[in-house]
PDB file of N, CA and C in Angstrom:
ATOM      1  N   UNK A   1     -34.033  35.676 -46.061  1.00  0.00           N
ATOM      2  CA  UNK A   1     -34.696  34.720 -46.873  1.00  0.00           C
ATOM      3  C   UNK A   1     -34.152  33.679 -46.892  1.00  0.00           C
ATOM      4  N   UNK A   2     -34.905  33.102 -47.242  1.00  0.00           N
ATOM      5  CA  UNK A   2     -34.294  31.322 -47.842  1.00  0.00           C
ATOM      6  C   UNK A   2     -34.536  31.240 -49.617  1.00  0.00           C
ATOM      7  N   UNK A   3     -33.940  30.305 -49.684  1.00  0.00           N
ATOM      8  CA  UNK A   3     -33.823  29.677 -50.940  1.00  0.00           C
ATOM      9  C   UNK A   3     -35.622  28.949 -51.484  1.00  0.00           C
ATOM     10  N   UNK A   4     -35.888  28.835 -52.735  1.00  0.00           N
ATOM     11  CA  UNK A   4     -37.323  28.218 -52.933  1.00  0.00           C
ATOM     12  C   UNK A   4     -36.961  26.733 -51.964  1.00  0.00           C
ATOM     13  N   UNK A   5     -36.037  25.989 -53.090  1.00  0.00           N
ATOM     14  CA  UNK A   5     -35.585  24.637 -52.218  1.00  0.00           C
ATOM     15  C   UNK A   5     -35.145  24.469 -51.223  1.00  0.00           C
ATOM     16  N   UNK A   6     -34.759  25.555 -50.549  1.00  0.00           N
ATOM     17  CA  UNK A   6     -33.580  25.625 -49.697  1.00  0.00           C
ATOM     18  C   UNK A   6     -31.925  25.601 -50.009  1.00  0.00           C
ATOM     19  N   UNK A   7     -31.033  25.779 -49.336  1.00  0.00           N
ATOM     20  CA  UNK A   7     -29.900  25.483 -49.858  1.00  0.00           C
ATOM     21  C   UNK A   7     -29.647  24.615 -51.019  1.00  0.00           C
ATOM     22  N   UNK A   8     -30.062  23.440 -50.874  1.00  0.00           N
ATOM     23  CA  UNK A   8     -29.837  22.501 -52.382  1.00  0.00           C
ATOM     24  C   UNK A   8     -30.522  23.369 -53.409  1.00  0.00           C
ATOM     25  N   UNK A   9     -30.553  24.130 -53.477  1.00  0.00           N
ATOM     26  CA  UNK A   9     -31.561  25.183 -54.858  1.00  0.00           C
ATOM     27  C   UNK A   9     -31.083  26.321 -55.006  1.00  0.00           C
ATOM     28  N   UNK A  10     -30.213  26.935 -53.864  1.00  0.00           N
ATOM     29  CA  UNK A  10     -30.491  27.765 -53.873  1.00  0.00           C
ATOM     30  C   UNK A  10     -28.902  28.731 -54.819  1.00  0.00           C
ATOM     31  N   UNK A  11     -29.425  30.266 -54.959  1.00  0.00           N
ATOM     32  CA  UNK A  11     -28.442  30.668 -56.251  1.00  0.00           C
ATOM     33  C   UNK A  11     -26.953  30.892 -55.639  1.00  0.00           C
ATOM     34  N   UNK A  12     -26.454  30.977 -54.711  1.00  0.00           N
ATOM     35  CA  UNK A  12     -25.037  30.554 -54.306  1.00  0.00           C
ATOM     36  C   UNK A  12     -24.178  29.395 -54.851  1.00  0.00           C
ATOM     37  N   UNK A  13     -25.537  28.619 -54.987  1.00  0.00           N
ATOM     38  CA  UNK A  13     -24.162  27.050 -56.227  1.00  0.00           C
ATOM     39  C   UNK A  13     -24.145  27.162 -57.053  1.00  0.00           C
ATOM     40  N   UNK A  14     -23.094  26.094 -56.724  1.00  0.00           N
ATOM     41  CA  UNK A  14     -22.542  26.014 -58.468  1.00  0.00           C
ATOM     42  C   UNK A  14     -23.281  25.464 -59.656  1.00  0.00           C
ATOM     43  N   UNK A  15     -23.739  26.196 -60.953  1.00  0.00           N
ATOM     44  CA  UNK A  15     -24.029  25.727 -61.777  1.00  0.00           C
ATOM     45  C   UNK A  15     -23.791  24.213 -62.184  1.00  0.00           C
ATOM     46  N   UNK A  16     -24.600  23.502 -62.564  1.00  0.00           N
ATOM     47  CA  UNK A  16     -23.889  22.365 -63.305  1.00  0.00           C
ATOM     48  C   UNK A  16     -24.165  22.538 -64.255  1.00  0.00           C
ATOM     49  N   UNK A  17     -23.351  21.278 -65.632  1.00  0.00           N
ATOM     50  CA  UNK A  17     -23.055  21.479 -66.509  1.00  0.00           C
ATOM     51  C   UNK A  17     -22.969  19.982 -67.067  1.00  0.00           C
ATOM     52  N   UNK A  18     -24.331  19.914 -68.096  1.00  0.00           N
ATOM     53  CA  UNK A  18     -24.185  18.730 -68.394  1.00  0.00           C
ATOM     54  C   UNK A  18     -25.857  18.145 -68.144  1.00  0.00           C
ATOM     55  N   UNK A  19     -26.348  18.131 -67.389  1.00  0.00           N
ATOM     56  CA  UNK A  19     -27.646  17.808 -66.103  1.00  0.00           C
ATOM     57  C   UNK A  19     -28.651  19.088 -65.991  1.00  0.00           C
ATOM     58  N   UNK A  20     -30.130  18.694 -66.235  1.00  0.00           N
ATOM     59  CA  UNK A  20     -30.576  19.385 -66.041  1.00  0.00           C
ATOM     60  C   UNK A  20     -31.000  19.948 -64.500  1.00  0.00           C
ATOM     61  N   UNK A  21     -31.228  21.116 -64.549  1.00  0.00           N
ATOM     62  CA  UNK A  21     -30.823  21.568 -62.542  1.00  0.00           C
ATOM     63  C   UNK A  21     -32.048  20.920 -61.497  1.00  0.00           C
ATOM     64  N   UNK A  22     -34.244  20.491 -61.965  1.00  0.00           N
ATOM     65  CA  UNK A  22     -34.475  19.859 -62.173  1.00  0.00           C
ATOM     66  C   UNK A  22     -34.166  18.611 -61.286  1.00  0.00           C
ATOM     67  N   UNK A  23     -33.465  17.880 -62.419  1.00  0.00           N
ATOM     68  CA  UNK A  23     -32.988  16.359 -61.939  1.00  0.00           C
ATOM     69  C   UNK A  23     -32.156  16.422 -61.351  1.00  0.00           C
ATOM     70  N   UNK A  24     -30.774  17.602 -61.029  1.00  0.00           N
ATOM     71  CA  UNK A  24     -29.650  17.360 -60.247  1.00  0.00           C
ATOM     72  C   UNK A  24     -30.203  17.399 -58.661  1.00  0.00           C
ATOM     73  N   UNK A  25     -31.206  18.389 -58.563  1.00  0.00           N
ATOM     74  CA  UNK A  25     -31.465  19.100 -57.710  1.00  0.00           C
ATOM     75  C   UNK A  25     -32.832  17.587 -56.783  1.00  0.00           C
ATOM     76  N   UNK A  26     -33.030  17.054 -57.771  1.00  0.00           N
ATOM     77  CA  UNK A  26     -33.515  15.591 -57.487  1.00  0.00           C
ATOM     78  C   UNK A  26     -32.634  14.965 -57.168  1.00  0.00           C
ATOM     79  N   UNK A  27     -31.678  14.906 -57.559  1.00  0.00           N
ATOM     80  CA  UNK A  27     -30.793  13.716 -57.212  1.00  0.00           C
ATOM     81  C   UNK A  27     -29.934  14.152 -55.688  1.00  0.00           C
ATOM     82  N   UNK A  28     -29.668  15.619 -55.729  1.00  0.00           N
ATOM     83  CA  UNK A  28     -29.531  15.855 -54.543  1.00  0.00           C
ATOM     84  C   UNK A  28     -30.068  15.550 -53.244  1.00  0.00           C
ATOM     85  N   UNK A  29     -31.542  16.022 -53.130  1.00  0.00           N
ATOM     86  CA  UNK A  29     -32.574  15.511 -52.118  1.00  0.00           C
ATOM     87  C   UNK A  29     -32.988  14.177 -51.775  1.00  0.00           C
ATOM     88  N   UNK A  30     -32.504  13.503 -53.066  1.00  0.00           N
ATOM     89  CA  UNK A  30     -32.316  11.648 -52.785  1.00  0.00           C
ATOM     90  C   UNK A  30     -31.039  11.425 -51.621  1.00  0.00           C
ATOM     91  N   UNK A  31     -29.919  11.973 -51.711  1.00  0.00           N
ATOM     92  CA  UNK A  31     -28.865  12.028 -51.201  1.00  0.00           C
ATOM     93  C   UNK A  31     -28.775  12.229 -50.108  1.00  0.00           C
ATOM     94  N   UNK A  32     -29.403  13.529 -50.329  1.00  0.00           N
ATOM     95  CA  UNK A  32     -29.291  14.089 -48.566  1.00  0.00           C
ATOM     96  C   UNK A  32     -30.655  13.866 -47.849  1.00  0.00           C
ATOM     97  N   UNK A  33     -31.278  12.537 -48.096  1.00  0.00           N
ATOM     98  CA  UNK A  33     -32.334  12.656 -47.451  1.00  0.00           C
ATOM     99  C   UNK A  33     -31.851  10.394 -46.990  1.00  0.00           C
ATOM    100  N   UNK A  34     -30.952  10.163 -47.701  1.00  0.00           N
ATOM    101  CA  UNK A  34     -30.559   8.992 -47.225  1.00  0.00           C
ATOM    102  C   UNK A  34     -29.553   9.227 -46.443  1.00  0.00           C
ATOM    103  N   UNK A  35     -28.639  10.254 -46.080  1.00  0.00           N
ATOM    104  CA  UNK A  35     -28.111  10.134 -45.422  1.00  0.00           C
ATOM    105  C   UNK A  35     -28.571   9.774 -43.894  1.00  0.00           C
ATOM    106  N   UNK A  36     -27.683   9.075 -43.088  1.00  0.00           N
ATOM    107  CA  UNK A  36     -28.118   8.279 -41.402  1.00  0.00           C
ATOM    108  C   UNK A  36     -27.528   9.213 -40.394  1.00  0.00           C
ATOM    109  N   UNK A  37     -29.040   9.525 -39.723  1.00  0.00           N
ATOM    110  CA  UNK A  37     -28.822  10.441 -39.012  1.00  0.00           C
ATOM    111  C   UNK A  37     -28.091   9.880 -37.586  1.00  0.00           C
ATOM    112  N   UNK A  38     -27.192  10.563 -36.972  1.00  0.00           N
ATOM    113  CA  UNK A  38     -26.880   9.720 -35.671  1.00  0.00           C
ATOM    114  C   UNK A  38     -26.373  10.897 -34.726  1.00  0.00           C
ATOM    115  N   UNK A  39     -26.670  10.156 -33.222  1.00  0.00           N
ATOM    116  CA  UNK A  39     -27.076  11.175 -31.771  1.00  0.00           C
ATOM    117  C   UNK A  39     -25.394  11.920 -32.021  1.00  0.00           C
ATOM    118  N   UNK A  40     -24.836  12.787 -31.082  1.00  0.00           N
ATOM    119  CA  UNK A  40     -23.686  13.008 -31.491  1.00  0.00           C
ATOM    120  C   UNK A  40     -23.112  11.995 -30.226  1.00  0.00           C
ATOM    121  N   UNK A  41     -23.943  12.281 -29.330  1.00  0.00           N
ATOM    122  CA  UNK A  41     -23.884  11.692 -27.749  1.00  0.00           C
ATOM    123  C   UNK A  41     -23.141   9.968 -28.096  1.00  0.00           C
ATOM    124  N   UNK A  42     -23.731   9.397 -29.180  1.00  0.00           N
ATOM    125  CA  UNK A  42     -23.231   7.885 -29.299  1.00  0.00           C
ATOM    126  C   UNK A  42     -22.246   7.754 -30.340  1.00  0.00           C
ATOM    127  N   UNK A  43     -21.709   8.951 -30.746  1.00  0.00           N
ATOM    128  CA  UNK A  43     -20.086   8.424 -31.310  1.00  0.00           C
ATOM    129  C   UNK A  43     -19.079   8.428 -30.758  1.00  0.00           C
ATOM    130  N   UNK A  44     -18.384   7.759 -30.290  1.00  0.00           N
ATOM    131  CA  UNK A  44     -17.771   6.974 -29.734  1.00  0.00           C
ATOM    132  C   UNK A  44     -16.369   8.376 -30.947  1.00  0.00           C
ATOM    133  N   UNK A  45     -16.043   8.836 -32.098  1.00  0.00           N
ATOM    134  CA  UNK A  45     -14.801   9.431 -32.334  1.00  0.00           C
ATOM    135  C   UNK A  45     -15.696  11.311 -31.306  1.00  0.00           C
ATOM    136  N   UNK A  46     -16.880  11.474 -31.108  1.00  0.00           N
ATOM    137  CA  UNK A  46     -17.309  13.194 -30.442  1.00  0.00           C
ATOM    138  C   UNK A  46     -17.281  12.719 -29.498  1.00  0.00           C
ATOM    139  N   UNK A  47     -16.973  11.480 -28.621  1.00  0.00           N
ATOM    140  CA  UNK A  47     -16.443  11.320 -27.388  1.00  0.00           C
ATOM    141  C   UNK A  47     -14.849  11.258 -26.982  1.00  0.00           C
ATOM    142  N   UNK A  48     -14.034  10.862 -27.875  1.00  0.00           N
ATOM    143  CA  UNK A  48     -13.412  10.788 -27.682  1.00  0.00           C
ATOM    144  C   UNK A  48     -12.967  12.775 -27.891  1.00  0.00           C
ATOM    145  N   UNK A  49     -13.175  13.490 -28.663  1.00  0.00           N
ATOM    146  CA  UNK A  49     -12.240  14.806 -28.560  1.00  0.00           C
ATOM    147  C   UNK A  49     -12.939  15.633 -27.725  1.00  0.00           C
ATOM    148  N   UNK A  50     -14.298  15.148 -27.036  1.00  0.00           N
ATOM    149  CA  UNK A  50     -14.486  15.926 -25.996  1.00  0.00           C
ATOM    150  C   UNK A  50     -13.494  16.139 -24.763  1.00  0.00           C
ATOM    151  N   UNK A  51     -13.107  14.345 -24.682  1.00  0.00           N
ATOM    152  CA  UNK A  51     -11.770  14.155 -23.378  1.00  0.00           C
ATOM    153  C   UNK A  51     -10.735  14.814 -23.660  1.00  0.00           C
ATOM    154  N   UNK A  52     -10.235  14.442 -25.095  1.00  0.00           N
ATOM    155  CA  UNK A  52      -9.100  14.805 -25.358  1.00  0.00           C
ATOM    156  C   UNK A  52      -8.831  16.836 -25.434  1.00  0.00           C
ATOM    157  N   UNK A  53      -9.676  16.998 -26.313  1.00  0.00           N
ATOM    158  CA  UNK A  53      -9.472  18.395 -26.803  1.00  0.00           C
ATOM    159  C   UNK A  53     -10.285  19.697 -25.385  1.00  0.00           C
ATOM    160  N   UNK A  54     -11.166  18.897 -25.287  1.00  0.00           N
ATOM    161  CA  UNK A  54     -12.222  19.990 -24.184  1.00  0.00           C
ATOM    162  C   UNK A  54     -12.297  19.443 -22.277  1.00  0.00           C
ATOM    163  N   UNK A  55     -11.334  18.316 -22.396  1.00  0.00           N
ATOM    164  CA  UNK A  55     -11.316  17.978 -20.832  1.00  0.00           C
ATOM    165  C   UNK A  55     -12.685  17.851 -20.238  1.00  0.00           C
ATOM    166  N   UNK A  56     -13.028  16.877 -20.899  1.00  0.00           N
ATOM    167  CA  UNK A  56     -14.841  16.357 -20.800  1.00  0.00           C
ATOM    168  C   UNK A  56     -15.936  17.214 -20.845  1.00  0.00           C
ATOM    169  N   UNK A  57     -17.002  16.353 -20.868  1.00  0.00           N
ATOM    170  CA  UNK A  57     -18.196  17.230 -21.320  1.00  0.00           C
ATOM    171  C   UNK A  57     -18.441  18.062 -20.300  1.00  0.00           C
ATOM    172  N   UNK A  58     -19.229  19.929 -20.237  1.00  0.00           N
ATOM    173  CA  UNK A  58     -19.519  20.153 -19.248  1.00  0.00           C
ATOM    174  C   UNK A  58     -18.473  21.145 -18.226  1.00  0.00           C
ATOM    175  N   UNK A  59     -17.514  21.240 -18.976  1.00  0.00           N
ATOM    176  CA  UNK A  59     -16.079  22.257 -18.668  1.00  0.00           C
ATOM    177  C   UNK A  59     -16.215  23.264 -19.061  1.00  0.00           C
ATOM    178  N   UNK A  60     -15.270  24.445 -18.080  1.00  0.00           N
ATOM    179  CA  UNK A  60     -14.612  25.513 -18.753  1.00  0.00           C
ATOM    180  C   UNK A  60     -14.695  25.486 -20.597  1.00  0.00           C
ATOM    181  N   UNK A  61     -13.431  24.846 -21.006  1.00  0.00           N
ATOM    182  CA  UNK A  61     -13.519  24.882 -22.516  1.00  0.00           C
ATOM    183  C   UNK A  61     -14.342  24.606 -23.341  1.00  0.00           C
ATOM    184  N   UNK A  62     -15.681  23.644 -22.845  1.00  0.00           N
ATOM    185  CA  UNK A  62     -16.681  23.476 -23.591  1.00  0.00           C
ATOM    186  C   UNK A  62     -17.331  24.427 -23.602  1.00  0.00           C
ATOM    187  N   UNK A  63     -17.259  24.979 -22.382  1.00  0.00           N
ATOM    188  CA  UNK A  63     -18.637  26.513 -22.547  1.00  0.00           C
ATOM    189  C   UNK A  63     -17.525  27.588 -23.682  1.00  0.00           C
ATOM    190  N   UNK A  64     -16.760  27.363 -23.521  1.00  0.00           N
ATOM    191  CA  UNK A  64     -15.890  28.773 -24.151  1.00  0.00           C
ATOM    192  C   UNK A  64     -16.016  28.085 -25.622  1.00  0.00           C
ATOM    193  N   UNK A  65     -15.499  26.807 -26.195  1.00  0.00           N
ATOM    194  CA  UNK A  65     -15.138  26.866 -27.691  1.00  0.00           C
ATOM    195  C   UNK A  65     -16.753  26.384 -28.594  1.00  0.00           C
ATOM    196  N   UNK A  66     -17.743  25.926 -27.632  1.00  0.00           N
ATOM    197  CA  UNK A  66     -18.900  25.815 -28.570  1.00  0.00           C
ATOM    198  C   UNK A  66     -20.435  25.886 -27.817  1.00  0.00           C
ATOM    199  N   UNK A  67     -20.213  26.442 -26.779  1.00  0.00           N
ATOM    200  CA  UNK A  67     -21.666  28.040 -26.262  1.00  0.00           C
ATOM    201  C   UNK A  67     -21.618  29.806 -26.851  1.00  0.00           C
ATOM    202  N   UNK A  68     -22.664  30.276 -26.832  1.00  0.00           N
ATOM    203  CA  UNK A  68     -23.270  31.620 -27.180  1.00  0.00           C
ATOM    204  C   UNK A  68     -24.050  32.058 -26.696  1.00  0.00           C
ATOM    205  N   UNK A  69     -23.718  33.101 -26.137  1.00  0.00           N
ATOM    206  CA  UNK A  69     -24.855  33.959 -25.883  1.00  0.00           C
ATOM    207  C   UNK A  69     -25.088  34.874 -26.812  1.00  0.00           C
ATOM    208  N   UNK A  70     -26.516  35.418 -26.886  1.00  0.00           N
ATOM    209  CA  UNK A  70     -26.889  36.207 -27.607  1.00  0.00           C
ATOM    210  C   UNK A  70     -27.937  37.564 -26.588  1.00  0.00           C
ATOM    211  N   UNK A  71     -27.975  38.025 -27.219  1.00  0.00           N
ATOM    212  CA  UNK A  71     -28.372  39.486 -26.721  1.00  0.00           C
ATOM    213  C   UNK A  71     -28.908  40.404 -27.874  1.00  0.00           C
ATOM    214  N   UNK A  72     -29.992  40.974 -27.389  1.00  0.00           N
ATOM    215  CA  UNK A  72     -30.867  42.205 -28.369  1.00  0.00           C
ATOM    216  C   UNK A  72     -29.641  43.452 -28.320  1.00  0.00           C
ATOM    217  N   UNK A  73     -30.070  44.114 -29.470  1.00  0.00           N
ATOM    218  CA  UNK A  73     -29.297  45.089 -30.142  1.00  0.00           C
ATOM    219  C   UNK A  73     -30.251  46.448 -30.181  1.00  0.00           C
ATOM    220  N   UNK A  74     -29.832  47.753 -29.503  1.00  0.00           N
ATOM    221  CA  UNK A  74     -30.976  48.317 -29.102  1.00  0.00           C
ATOM    222  C   UNK A  74     -30.326  49.058 -30.741  1.00  0.00           C
ATOM    223  N   UNK A  75     -31.648  49.468 -31.010  1.00  0.00           N
ATOM    224  CA  UNK A  75     -31.239  50.179 -32.759  1.00  0.00           C
ATOM    225  C   UNK A  75     -31.112  52.092 -32.191  1.00  0.00           C
ATOM    226  N   UNK A  76     -30.304  52.271 -32.466  1.00  0.00           N
ATOM    227  CA  UNK A  76     -29.399  53.875 -32.146  1.00  0.00           C
ATOM    228  C   UNK A  76     -30.867  54.821 -33.159  1.00  0.00           C
ATOM    229  N   UNK A  77     -31.089  55.629 -32.494  1.00  0.00           N
ATOM    230  CA  UNK A  77     -32.159  56.604 -33.048  1.00  0.00           C
ATOM    231  C   UNK A  77     -31.071  57.885 -33.101  1.00  0.00           C
ATOM    232  N   UNK A  78     -31.429  58.664 -34.599  1.00  0.00           N
ATOM    233  CA  UNK A  78     -30.069  59.773 -34.751  1.00  0.00           C
ATOM    234  C   UNK A  78     -31.340  60.503 -34.780  1.00  0.00           C
ATOM    235  N   UNK A  79     -30.838  61.782 -34.387  1.00  0.00           N
ATOM    236  CA  UNK A  79     -31.724  62.803 -35.050  1.00  0.00           C
ATOM    237  C   UNK A  79     -32.244  63.637 -36.210  1.00  0.00           C
ATOM    238  N   UNK A  80     -30.846  62.765 -36.706  1.00  0.00           N
ATOM    239  CA  UNK A  80     -30.923  63.614 -38.287  1.00  0.00           C
ATOM    240  C   UNK A  80     -31.317  62.481 -39.171  1.00  0.00           C
ATOM    241  N   UNK A  81     -31.903  61.573 -38.696  1.00  0.00           N
ATOM    242  CA  UNK A  81     -32.351  60.497 -39.621  1.00  0.00           C
ATOM    243  C   UNK A  81     -34.181  60.502 -39.056  1.00  0.00           C
ATOM    244  N   UNK A  82     -34.852  61.239 -37.988  1.00  0.00           N
ATOM    245  CA  UNK A  82     -35.916  61.674 -38.040  1.00  0.00           C
ATOM    246  C   UNK A  82     -36.826  62.386 -38.850  1.00  0.00           C
ATOM    247  N   UNK A  83     -37.771  61.719 -39.501  1.00  0.00           N
ATOM    248  CA  UNK A  83     -38.735  62.815 -40.743  1.00  0.00           C
ATOM    249  C   UNK A  83     -39.887  63.705 -40.004  1.00  0.00           C
ATOM    250  N   UNK A  84     -40.015  65.184 -40.777  1.00  0.00           N
ATOM    251  CA  UNK A  84     -40.566  65.533 -39.827  1.00  0.00           C
ATOM    252  C   UNK A  84     -41.945  65.905 -40.729  1.00  0.00           C
TER     253      UNK A  84
END
């Protein structure tokens, strides 16, 4: 289930004191939309981390640290759960 206004207004957020939640949400959305998007491939720090920690792009360390695989989990049917 998703929050009505995304996680910016989710029930798990700390309650603001002294500011109406609608105003706070508006301000947070404004700040969020003002964040500059940057491609990781063009970030020098990311390139440096790949080289120093992972031994370059496409290596085994990259695969082990950053990639995952998903597989279907079959639902186990128990004889006890069958409705007659």
